[in-house]
Amino acid sequence: MLGLLSALTLPVAIVGTRYSGSYELLHAGFAIPIAAVFGIFAVALARRARGLDRATLGRAGGGRSARIGRLLGILGLCMAASASIALAVYAVLHAIE
């Protein structure tokens, strides 16, 4: 669940700014730390779930869910990193003006 939240945080923030009259696209940058935190927790929980699955020799179940959660968490972290880079480039270009 946290992996899905991590992967959807930035797109939802961007869509929210598109249909809002008072917020601009730059304001979606406030969702970057939220996506990063969700991604970190998703990867950590997936690691823990995979360890539990290995310890019980697969009888606990949830191995597939752990893999999907880990992938979505990593996707959310990558999106947060790329959005951070984009904001940094924007700040540098804005400062050069």
N, C-alpha and C. Protein backbone atom coordinates (compact mmCIF):
# COMPACT_ATOMS: atom_id res chain seq x y z
N MET A 1 0.82 -1.18 0.00
CA MET A 1 0.00 0.00 0.00
C MET A 1 0.88 1.26 0.00
N LEU A 2 1.95 1.25 0.78
CA LEU A 2 2.83 2.41 0.81
C LEU A 2 3.55 2.61 -0.52
N GLY A 3 3.87 1.52 -1.19
CA GLY A 3 4.50 1.63 -2.51
C GLY A 3 3.57 2.30 -3.51
N LEU A 4 2.31 1.94 -3.47
CA LEU A 4 1.33 2.56 -4.35
C LEU A 4 1.14 4.04 -4.00
N LEU A 5 1.10 4.36 -2.73
CA LEU A 5 1.01 5.76 -2.32
C LEU A 5 2.23 6.55 -2.76
N SER A 6 3.39 5.93 -2.67
CA SER A 6 4.62 6.58 -3.08
C SER A 6 4.61 6.88 -4.58
N ALA A 7 4.16 5.91 -5.36
CA ALA A 7 4.15 6.09 -6.81
C ALA A 7 3.08 7.06 -7.28
N LEU A 8 2.01 7.21 -6.51
CA LEU A 8 0.91 8.08 -6.93
C LEU A 8 0.95 9.49 -6.34
N THR A 9 1.81 9.74 -5.38
CA THR A 9 1.81 11.04 -4.71
C THR A 9 2.12 12.18 -5.68
N LEU A 10 3.17 12.08 -6.44
CA LEU A 10 3.55 13.18 -7.34
C LEU A 10 2.56 13.35 -8.50
N PRO A 11 2.12 12.28 -9.17
CA PRO A 11 1.13 12.51 -10.23
C PRO A 11 -0.17 13.14 -9.72
N VAL A 12 -0.61 12.73 -8.53
CA VAL A 12 -1.83 13.33 -7.98
C VAL A 12 -1.60 14.80 -7.64
N ALA A 13 -0.43 15.13 -7.12
CA ALA A 13 -0.12 16.53 -6.81
C ALA A 13 -0.08 17.37 -8.09
N ILE A 14 0.47 16.81 -9.14
CA ILE A 14 0.55 17.53 -10.42
C ILE A 14 -0.83 17.74 -11.01
N VAL A 15 -1.65 16.70 -10.99
CA VAL A 15 -3.02 16.83 -11.50
C VAL A 15 -3.81 17.82 -10.64
N GLY A 16 -3.57 17.79 -9.34
CA GLY A 16 -4.25 18.74 -8.45
C GLY A 16 -3.91 20.19 -8.78
N THR A 17 -2.67 20.44 -9.15
CA THR A 17 -2.31 21.81 -9.50
C THR A 17 -2.88 22.20 -10.86
N ARG A 18 -3.08 21.23 -11.71
CA ARG A 18 -3.63 21.52 -13.04
C ARG A 18 -5.07 22.01 -12.95
N TYR A 19 -5.84 21.44 -12.05
CA TYR A 19 -7.25 21.79 -11.94
C TYR A 19 -7.54 22.79 -10.82
N SER A 20 -6.52 23.31 -10.21
CA SER A 20 -6.69 24.30 -9.15
C SER A 20 -6.39 25.68 -9.69
N GLY A 21 -7.17 26.64 -9.28
CA GLY A 21 -6.94 28.00 -9.72
C GLY A 21 -5.91 28.73 -8.88
N SER A 22 -5.69 28.27 -7.66
CA SER A 22 -4.81 29.00 -6.76
C SER A 22 -3.40 28.39 -6.64
N TYR A 23 -3.19 27.19 -7.18
CA TYR A 23 -1.88 26.55 -7.10
C TYR A 23 -1.27 26.43 -8.49
N GLU A 24 0.05 26.57 -8.55
CA GLU A 24 0.77 26.40 -9.80
C GLU A 24 1.56 25.10 -9.74
N LEU A 25 2.14 24.73 -10.86
CA LEU A 25 2.88 23.47 -10.95
C LEU A 25 4.05 23.43 -9.97
N LEU A 26 4.65 24.56 -9.74
CA LEU A 26 5.77 24.63 -8.80
C LEU A 26 5.36 24.22 -7.38
N HIS A 27 4.11 24.44 -7.04
CA HIS A 27 3.62 24.08 -5.71
C HIS A 27 3.53 22.56 -5.51
N ALA A 28 3.53 21.80 -6.58
CA ALA A 28 3.52 20.34 -6.47
C ALA A 28 4.82 19.82 -5.89
N GLY A 29 5.84 20.66 -5.83
CA GLY A 29 7.12 20.25 -5.25
C GLY A 29 7.03 19.92 -3.77
N PHE A 30 5.99 20.40 -3.11
CA PHE A 30 5.83 20.07 -1.70
C PHE A 30 5.48 18.60 -1.49
N ALA A 31 5.10 17.90 -2.54
CA ALA A 31 4.78 16.47 -2.44
C ALA A 31 6.02 15.60 -2.57
N ILE A 32 7.16 16.17 -2.94
CA ILE A 32 8.38 15.37 -3.13
C ILE A 32 8.82 14.67 -1.85
N PRO A 33 8.92 15.37 -0.71
CA PRO A 33 9.33 14.65 0.50
C PRO A 33 8.34 13.58 0.93
N ILE A 34 7.07 13.82 0.68
CA ILE A 34 6.04 12.83 1.05
C ILE A 34 6.24 11.56 0.23
N ALA A 35 6.45 11.72 -1.08
CA ALA A 35 6.69 10.56 -1.94
C ALA A 35 7.96 9.82 -1.53
N ALA A 36 8.99 10.56 -1.16
CA ALA A 36 10.26 9.93 -0.76
C ALA A 36 10.09 9.14 0.54
N VAL A 37 9.38 9.70 1.50
CA VAL A 37 9.17 9.00 2.77
C VAL A 37 8.33 7.74 2.56
N PHE A 38 7.26 7.85 1.77
CA PHE A 38 6.46 6.67 1.47
C PHE A 38 7.30 5.61 0.76
N GLY A 39 8.17 6.03 -0.15
CA GLY A 39 9.01 5.09 -0.87
C GLY A 39 10.01 4.38 0.03
N ILE A 40 10.61 5.13 0.93
CA ILE A 40 11.56 4.52 1.87
C ILE A 40 10.87 3.50 2.76
N PHE A 41 9.71 3.87 3.28
CA PHE A 41 8.98 2.93 4.13
C PHE A 41 8.49 1.71 3.35
N ALA A 42 8.10 1.90 2.09
CA ALA A 42 7.65 0.78 1.27
C ALA A 42 8.78 -0.21 1.03
N VAL A 43 9.96 0.31 0.72
CA VAL A 43 11.10 -0.58 0.49
C VAL A 43 11.48 -1.30 1.78
N ALA A 44 11.46 -0.59 2.90
CA ALA A 44 11.81 -1.22 4.18
C ALA A 44 10.80 -2.30 4.56
N LEU A 45 9.52 -2.01 4.39
CA LEU A 45 8.50 -3.01 4.72
C LEU A 45 8.55 -4.21 3.78
N ALA A 46 8.85 -3.97 2.51
CA ALA A 46 8.97 -5.08 1.56
C ALA A 46 10.17 -5.96 1.92
N ARG A 47 11.24 -5.34 2.36
CA ARG A 47 12.41 -6.12 2.77
C ARG A 47 12.08 -6.99 3.97
N ARG A 48 11.35 -6.41 4.90
CA ARG A 48 10.96 -7.16 6.10
C ARG A 48 10.01 -8.31 5.73
N ALA A 49 9.07 -8.05 4.83
CA ALA A 49 8.12 -9.09 4.42
C ALA A 49 8.83 -10.21 3.67
N ARG A 50 9.79 -9.87 2.84
CA ARG A 50 10.53 -10.91 2.12
C ARG A 50 11.36 -11.74 3.09
N GLY A 51 11.91 -11.12 4.13
CA GLY A 51 12.65 -11.87 5.15
C GLY A 51 11.75 -12.82 5.90
N LEU A 52 10.55 -12.37 6.23
CA LEU A 52 9.57 -13.24 6.90
C LEU A 52 9.16 -14.39 6.00
N ASP A 53 9.00 -14.10 4.71
CA ASP A 53 8.62 -15.15 3.76
C ASP A 53 9.72 -16.20 3.64
N ARG A 54 10.97 -15.74 3.64
CA ARG A 54 12.09 -16.68 3.58
C ARG A 54 12.20 -17.50 4.86
N ALA A 55 11.96 -16.85 5.99
CA ALA A 55 12.08 -17.55 7.28
C ALA A 55 11.03 -18.64 7.43
N THR A 56 9.87 -18.44 6.82
CA THR A 56 8.80 -19.44 6.93
C THR A 56 8.75 -20.35 5.71
N LEU A 57 9.80 -20.28 4.87
CA LEU A 57 9.91 -21.11 3.67
C LEU A 57 8.72 -20.93 2.73
N GLY A 58 8.22 -19.71 2.66
CA GLY A 58 7.14 -19.39 1.74
C GLY A 58 5.75 -19.68 2.25
N ARG A 59 5.64 -20.22 3.46
CA ARG A 59 4.31 -20.55 3.99
C ARG A 59 3.55 -19.33 4.48
N ALA A 60 4.26 -18.24 4.78
CA ALA A 60 3.58 -17.03 5.25
C ALA A 60 2.86 -16.33 4.11
N GLY A 61 3.31 -16.55 2.89
CA GLY A 61 2.70 -15.89 1.74
C GLY A 61 3.11 -14.44 1.66
N GLY A 62 2.71 -13.79 0.61
CA GLY A 62 3.00 -12.38 0.46
C GLY A 62 4.29 -12.06 -0.25
N GLY A 63 4.95 -13.05 -0.82
CA GLY A 63 6.20 -12.80 -1.54
C GLY A 63 5.98 -11.92 -2.76
N ARG A 64 4.91 -12.18 -3.48
CA ARG A 64 4.59 -11.39 -4.67
C ARG A 64 4.21 -9.97 -4.28
N SER A 65 3.43 -9.82 -3.23
CA SER A 65 3.05 -8.48 -2.77
C SER A 65 4.27 -7.69 -2.31
N ALA A 66 5.20 -8.37 -1.69
CA ALA A 66 6.42 -7.70 -1.24
C ALA A 66 7.24 -7.21 -2.43
N ARG A 67 7.32 -8.02 -3.48
CA ARG A 67 8.06 -7.61 -4.68
C ARG A 67 7.38 -6.42 -5.36
N ILE A 68 6.07 -6.46 -5.47
CA ILE A 68 5.34 -5.36 -6.10
C ILE A 68 5.47 -4.10 -5.26
N GLY A 69 5.36 -4.22 -3.94
CA GLY A 69 5.52 -3.06 -3.06
C GLY A 69 6.90 -2.47 -3.15
N ARG A 70 7.90 -3.33 -3.26
CA ARG A 70 9.28 -2.85 -3.40
C ARG A 70 9.47 -2.11 -4.71
N LEU A 71 8.94 -2.67 -5.80
CA LEU A 71 9.06 -2.01 -7.10
C LEU A 71 8.35 -0.66 -7.12
N LEU A 72 7.16 -0.61 -6.55
CA LEU A 72 6.43 0.66 -6.50
C LEU A 72 7.13 1.67 -5.59
N GLY A 73 7.71 1.20 -4.51
CA GLY A 73 8.47 2.08 -3.63
C GLY A 73 9.69 2.66 -4.32
N ILE A 74 10.39 1.81 -5.07
CA ILE A 74 11.55 2.28 -5.83
C ILE A 74 11.11 3.25 -6.92
N LEU A 75 9.98 2.97 -7.56
CA LEU A 75 9.45 3.90 -8.57
C LEU A 75 9.13 5.25 -7.94
N GLY A 76 8.51 5.25 -6.77
CA GLY A 76 8.22 6.50 -6.07
C GLY A 76 9.48 7.25 -5.70
N LEU A 77 10.52 6.53 -5.25
CA LEU A 77 11.79 7.17 -4.93
C LEU A 77 12.45 7.77 -6.17
N CYS A 78 12.38 7.05 -7.28
CA CYS A 78 12.96 7.58 -8.52
C CYS A 78 12.21 8.81 -9.00
N MET A 79 10.89 8.80 -8.87
CA MET A 79 10.10 9.97 -9.27
C MET A 79 10.41 11.16 -8.37
N ALA A 80 10.57 10.91 -7.07
CA ALA A 80 10.92 12.00 -6.15
C ALA A 80 12.31 12.54 -6.46
N ALA A 81 13.24 11.67 -6.79
CA ALA A 81 14.60 12.13 -7.13
C ALA A 81 14.59 12.95 -8.42
N SER A 82 13.85 12.49 -9.43
CA SER A 82 13.82 13.24 -10.68
C SER A 82 13.09 14.57 -10.52
N ALA A 83 12.06 14.61 -9.69
CA ALA A 83 11.37 15.88 -9.43
C ALA A 83 12.28 16.83 -8.66
N SER A 84 13.08 16.30 -7.75
CA SER A 84 14.04 17.15 -7.02
C SER A 84 15.07 17.74 -7.96
N ILE A 85 15.56 16.94 -8.89
CA ILE A 85 16.52 17.43 -9.87
C ILE A 85 15.88 18.50 -10.74
N ALA A 86 14.63 18.27 -11.16
CA ALA A 86 13.95 19.25 -11.99
C ALA A 86 13.77 20.57 -11.24
N LEU A 87 13.42 20.51 -9.97
CA LEU A 87 13.27 21.74 -9.18
C LEU A 87 14.61 22.44 -8.98
N ALA A 88 15.67 21.67 -8.81
CA ALA A 88 17.00 22.27 -8.64
C ALA A 88 17.43 22.97 -9.93
N VAL A 89 17.19 22.34 -11.07
CA VAL A 89 17.52 22.97 -12.35
C VAL A 89 16.69 24.24 -12.54
N TYR A 90 15.42 24.18 -12.19
CA TYR A 90 14.56 25.36 -12.29
C TYR A 90 15.09 26.49 -11.41
N ALA A 91 15.50 26.15 -10.20
CA ALA A 91 16.03 27.17 -9.28
C ALA A 91 17.31 27.80 -9.82
N VAL A 92 18.18 26.99 -10.39
CA VAL A 92 19.43 27.53 -10.96
C VAL A 92 19.12 28.43 -12.16
N LEU A 93 18.23 27.98 -13.02
CA LEU A 93 17.89 28.79 -14.19
C LEU A 93 17.17 30.07 -13.80
N HIS A 94 16.35 29.99 -12.78
CA HIS A 94 15.65 31.19 -12.30
C HIS A 94 16.63 32.17 -11.65
N ALA A 95 17.64 31.65 -11.00
CA ALA A 95 18.65 32.52 -10.36
C ALA A 95 19.55 33.19 -11.39
N ILE A 96 19.76 32.52 -12.51
CA ILE A 96 20.62 33.08 -13.56
C ILE A 96 19.94 34.26 -14.25
N GLU A 97 18.63 34.22 -14.34
CA GLU A 97 17.90 35.30 -15.02
C GLU A 97 18.32 36.59 -14.50
